[in-house]
Amino acid sequence: MTTPPRWTLDSRSTLGVAIALALLVAVGCGVVWQVQGYRRATMRVRHSLEILNAIESLTRRLVDAETGQRGYLLTGRPEYLEPFTRARE
């Protein structure tokens, strides 16, 4: 003797569950896509900040070199050339 199933779904309920699962998968894919987009944007911002830091460091070295050179030309003292020689390296 076979026992009847404890519960069954009619066709409308099955369709509703299928739609709910499809929406859940679609929302999950959308979340993954958004997170990947945020990650790419973060990497671009980080790269831009690294470039800006490198430019700032180069500008500081150039100003130091110019200041040292100017100090040497005005005074003739060789210790003023130290920032200039460090910047050239």
N, C-alpha and C. Protein backbone atom coordinates (compact mmCIF):
# COMPACT_ATOMS: atom_id res chain seq x y z
N MET A 1 0.82 -1.16 0.00
CA MET A 1 0.00 0.00 0.00
C MET A 1 0.89 1.25 0.00
N THR A 2 0.58 2.17 -0.87
CA THR A 2 1.36 3.41 -0.95
C THR A 2 0.70 4.47 -0.10
N THR A 3 1.54 5.23 0.53
CA THR A 3 1.00 6.30 1.35
C THR A 3 0.93 7.57 0.52
N PRO A 4 -0.11 8.34 0.67
CA PRO A 4 -0.21 9.58 -0.11
C PRO A 4 0.83 10.60 0.39
N PRO A 5 1.30 11.46 -0.50
CA PRO A 5 2.29 12.46 -0.07
C PRO A 5 1.69 13.37 0.99
N ARG A 6 2.58 13.84 1.86
CA ARG A 6 2.11 14.69 2.95
C ARG A 6 1.58 16.02 2.44
N TRP A 7 2.26 16.55 1.44
CA TRP A 7 1.79 17.80 0.87
C TRP A 7 2.11 17.82 -0.62
N THR A 8 1.36 18.55 -1.33
CA THR A 8 1.54 18.67 -2.78
C THR A 8 1.34 20.13 -3.16
N LEU A 9 1.90 20.48 -4.30
CA LEU A 9 1.74 21.83 -4.83
C LEU A 9 0.93 21.75 -6.11
N ASP A 10 -0.01 22.63 -6.23
CA ASP A 10 -0.73 22.68 -7.49
C ASP A 10 0.11 23.47 -8.50
N SER A 11 -0.33 23.57 -9.70
CA SER A 11 0.47 24.20 -10.76
C SER A 11 0.70 25.69 -10.50
N ARG A 12 -0.26 26.38 -9.93
CA ARG A 12 -0.08 27.81 -9.63
C ARG A 12 0.98 28.01 -8.55
N SER A 13 0.97 27.17 -7.55
CA SER A 13 1.96 27.28 -6.49
C SER A 13 3.36 26.97 -7.02
N THR A 14 3.45 25.96 -7.86
CA THR A 14 4.73 25.60 -8.46
C THR A 14 5.26 26.76 -9.30
N LEU A 15 4.39 27.38 -10.06
CA LEU A 15 4.80 28.53 -10.86
C LEU A 15 5.26 29.67 -9.96
N GLY A 16 4.56 29.91 -8.86
CA GLY A 16 4.96 30.97 -7.92
C GLY A 16 6.32 30.71 -7.31
N VAL A 17 6.58 29.47 -6.92
CA VAL A 17 7.88 29.11 -6.35
C VAL A 17 8.97 29.28 -7.40
N ALA A 18 8.70 28.88 -8.63
CA ALA A 18 9.69 29.01 -9.70
C ALA A 18 10.02 30.48 -9.98
N ILE A 19 9.00 31.31 -9.99
CA ILE A 19 9.22 32.75 -10.20
C ILE A 19 10.02 33.34 -9.05
N ALA A 20 9.69 32.96 -7.82
CA ALA A 20 10.42 33.46 -6.66
C ALA A 20 11.88 33.05 -6.73
N LEU A 21 12.15 31.82 -7.08
CA LEU A 21 13.54 31.36 -7.21
C LEU A 21 14.27 32.11 -8.32
N ALA A 22 13.59 32.33 -9.44
CA ALA A 22 14.21 33.06 -10.54
C ALA A 22 14.54 34.49 -10.13
N LEU A 23 13.63 35.13 -9.40
CA LEU A 23 13.91 36.49 -8.91
C LEU A 23 15.07 36.50 -7.92
N LEU A 24 15.14 35.50 -7.07
CA LEU A 24 16.24 35.40 -6.11
C LEU A 24 17.58 35.26 -6.83
N VAL A 25 17.61 34.43 -7.86
CA VAL A 25 18.84 34.26 -8.64
C VAL A 25 19.20 35.57 -9.36
N ALA A 26 18.20 36.23 -9.92
CA ALA A 26 18.45 37.50 -10.63
C ALA A 26 18.99 38.56 -9.67
N VAL A 27 18.41 38.66 -8.49
CA VAL A 27 18.88 39.64 -7.51
C VAL A 27 20.30 39.30 -7.07
N GLY A 28 20.57 38.02 -6.86
CA GLY A 28 21.93 37.60 -6.49
C GLY A 28 22.95 37.96 -7.55
N CYS A 29 22.60 37.74 -8.81
CA CYS A 29 23.51 38.11 -9.91
C CYS A 29 23.72 39.63 -9.95
N GLY A 30 22.65 40.38 -9.70
CA GLY A 30 22.78 41.84 -9.68
C GLY A 30 23.70 42.31 -8.56
N VAL A 31 23.60 41.68 -7.40
CA VAL A 31 24.46 42.05 -6.28
C VAL A 31 25.92 41.75 -6.61
N VAL A 32 26.18 40.59 -7.18
CA VAL A 32 27.55 40.24 -7.56
C VAL A 32 28.08 41.24 -8.58
N TRP A 33 27.27 41.61 -9.54
CA TRP A 33 27.70 42.58 -10.56
C TRP A 33 28.03 43.93 -9.92
N GLN A 34 27.20 44.39 -8.99
CA GLN A 34 27.44 45.67 -8.31
C GLN A 34 28.72 45.62 -7.48
N VAL A 35 28.93 44.55 -6.76
CA VAL A 35 30.14 44.42 -5.93
C VAL A 35 31.38 44.43 -6.80
N GLN A 36 31.34 43.76 -7.93
CA GLN A 36 32.48 43.78 -8.85
C GLN A 36 32.72 45.19 -9.38
N GLY A 37 31.65 45.91 -9.67
CA GLY A 37 31.80 47.30 -10.14
C GLY A 37 32.43 48.18 -9.08
N TYR A 38 31.99 48.03 -7.83
CA TYR A 38 32.58 48.81 -6.74
C TYR A 38 34.05 48.45 -6.56
N ARG A 39 34.37 47.19 -6.70
CA ARG A 39 35.77 46.76 -6.56
C ARG A 39 36.65 47.38 -7.65
N ARG A 40 36.16 47.38 -8.88
CA ARG A 40 36.93 47.99 -9.98
C ARG A 40 37.10 49.49 -9.75
N ALA A 41 36.04 50.15 -9.28
CA ALA A 41 36.13 51.59 -9.01
C ALA A 41 37.13 51.87 -7.89
N THR A 42 37.13 51.04 -6.86
CA THR A 42 38.08 51.21 -5.76
C THR A 42 39.51 51.04 -6.25
N MET A 43 39.73 50.07 -7.11
CA MET A 43 41.08 49.86 -7.65
C MET A 43 41.52 51.06 -8.49
N ARG A 44 40.60 51.65 -9.25
CA ARG A 44 40.95 52.83 -10.05
C ARG A 44 41.28 54.02 -9.15
N VAL A 45 40.52 54.20 -8.08
CA VAL A 45 40.78 55.29 -7.15
C VAL A 45 42.14 55.09 -6.48
N ARG A 46 42.43 53.88 -6.05
CA ARG A 46 43.71 53.58 -5.42
C ARG A 46 44.87 53.88 -6.37
N HIS A 47 44.72 53.47 -7.63
CA HIS A 47 45.76 53.74 -8.63
C HIS A 47 45.94 55.24 -8.84
N SER A 48 44.84 55.97 -8.90
CA SER A 48 44.93 57.43 -9.07
C SER A 48 45.64 58.07 -7.88
N LEU A 49 45.34 57.61 -6.68
CA LEU A 49 46.00 58.17 -5.50
C LEU A 49 47.50 57.86 -5.49
N GLU A 50 47.88 56.68 -5.96
CA GLU A 50 49.30 56.34 -6.05
C GLU A 50 50.00 57.27 -7.03
N ILE A 51 49.36 57.55 -8.15
CA ILE A 51 49.95 58.46 -9.14
C ILE A 51 50.07 59.86 -8.56
N LEU A 52 49.04 60.33 -7.88
CA LEU A 52 49.09 61.67 -7.27
C LEU A 52 50.20 61.75 -6.21
N ASN A 53 50.39 60.69 -5.43
CA ASN A 53 51.47 60.68 -4.44
C ASN A 53 52.83 60.72 -5.11
N ALA A 54 52.99 60.00 -6.22
CA ALA A 54 54.26 60.01 -6.95
C ALA A 54 54.53 61.40 -7.52
N ILE A 55 53.51 62.06 -8.04
CA ILE A 55 53.67 63.41 -8.59
C ILE A 55 54.04 64.38 -7.48
N GLU A 56 53.39 64.25 -6.33
CA GLU A 56 53.69 65.13 -5.20
C GLU A 56 55.13 64.94 -4.72
N SER A 57 55.58 63.69 -4.66
CA SER A 57 56.96 63.41 -4.25
C SER A 57 57.95 64.00 -5.24
N LEU A 58 57.68 63.86 -6.52
CA LEU A 58 58.56 64.42 -7.55
C LEU A 58 58.59 65.93 -7.47
N THR A 59 57.44 66.55 -7.24
CA THR A 59 57.38 68.01 -7.13
C THR A 59 58.20 68.49 -5.93
N ARG A 60 58.09 67.77 -4.80
CA ARG A 60 58.88 68.15 -3.62
C ARG A 60 60.37 68.05 -3.91
N ARG A 61 60.79 66.99 -4.59
CA ARG A 61 62.22 66.85 -4.92
C ARG A 61 62.68 67.94 -5.87
N LEU A 62 61.84 68.30 -6.83
CA LEU A 62 62.22 69.37 -7.76
C LEU A 62 62.35 70.71 -7.04
N VAL A 63 61.43 70.98 -6.11
CA VAL A 63 61.50 72.23 -5.35
C VAL A 63 62.76 72.23 -4.48
N ASP A 64 63.08 71.10 -3.85
CA ASP A 64 64.30 71.00 -3.05
C ASP A 64 65.54 71.24 -3.91
N ALA A 65 65.55 70.64 -5.10
CA ALA A 65 66.71 70.83 -5.99
C ALA A 65 66.83 72.29 -6.39
N GLU A 66 65.73 72.91 -6.75
CA GLU A 66 65.77 74.31 -7.17
C GLU A 66 66.20 75.21 -6.02
N THR A 67 65.69 74.95 -4.82
CA THR A 67 66.05 75.75 -3.66
C THR A 67 67.53 75.59 -3.34
N GLY A 68 68.02 74.36 -3.37
CA GLY A 68 69.45 74.13 -3.12
C GLY A 68 70.33 74.80 -4.15
N GLN A 69 69.96 74.71 -5.40
CA GLN A 69 70.73 75.34 -6.47
C GLN A 69 70.74 76.86 -6.30
N ARG A 70 69.60 77.41 -6.01
CA ARG A 70 69.51 78.86 -5.81
C ARG A 70 70.36 79.31 -4.62
N GLY A 71 70.29 78.54 -3.53
CA GLY A 71 71.10 78.86 -2.35
C GLY A 71 72.58 78.81 -2.65
N TYR A 72 73.00 77.84 -3.43
CA TYR A 72 74.42 77.74 -3.78
C TYR A 72 74.84 78.90 -4.68
N LEU A 73 73.99 79.22 -5.65
CA LEU A 73 74.33 80.31 -6.57
C LEU A 73 74.41 81.66 -5.83
N LEU A 74 73.56 81.84 -4.83
CA LEU A 74 73.57 83.11 -4.09
C LEU A 74 74.72 83.19 -3.08
N THR A 75 75.06 82.06 -2.44
CA THR A 75 76.05 82.11 -1.37
C THR A 75 77.38 81.49 -1.74
N GLY A 76 77.37 80.56 -2.68
CA GLY A 76 78.60 79.87 -3.04
C GLY A 76 78.98 78.78 -2.05
N ARG A 77 78.13 78.51 -1.08
CA ARG A 77 78.43 77.50 -0.07
C ARG A 77 78.00 76.13 -0.57
N PRO A 78 78.92 75.15 -0.57
CA PRO A 78 78.61 73.83 -1.14
C PRO A 78 77.55 73.04 -0.37
N GLU A 79 77.32 73.34 0.93
CA GLU A 79 76.30 72.58 1.66
C GLU A 79 74.90 72.82 1.10
N TYR A 80 74.71 73.92 0.37
CA TYR A 80 73.42 74.18 -0.24
C TYR A 80 73.17 73.27 -1.44
N LEU A 81 74.23 72.64 -1.94
CA LEU A 81 74.06 71.73 -3.08
C LEU A 81 73.58 70.34 -2.64
N GLU A 82 73.58 70.05 -1.35
CA GLU A 82 73.17 68.73 -0.88
C GLU A 82 71.74 68.36 -1.31
N PRO A 83 70.74 69.25 -1.11
CA PRO A 83 69.38 68.88 -1.60
C PRO A 83 69.35 68.71 -3.12
N PHE A 84 70.17 69.47 -3.81
CA PHE A 84 70.21 69.39 -5.28
C PHE A 84 70.76 68.03 -5.69
N THR A 85 71.84 67.58 -5.08
CA THR A 85 72.43 66.29 -5.46
C THR A 85 71.52 65.14 -5.02
N ARG A 86 70.84 65.25 -3.88
CA ARG A 86 69.89 64.20 -3.46
C ARG A 86 68.73 64.11 -4.46
N ALA A 87 68.27 65.23 -4.92
CA ALA A 87 67.14 65.24 -5.86
C ALA A 87 67.54 64.67 -7.20
N ARG A 88 68.76 64.89 -7.60
CA ARG A 88 69.23 64.34 -8.89
C ARG A 88 69.31 62.83 -8.87
N GLU A 89 69.59 62.28 -7.68
CA GLU A 89 69.68 60.80 -7.57
C GLU A 89 68.30 60.21 -7.72
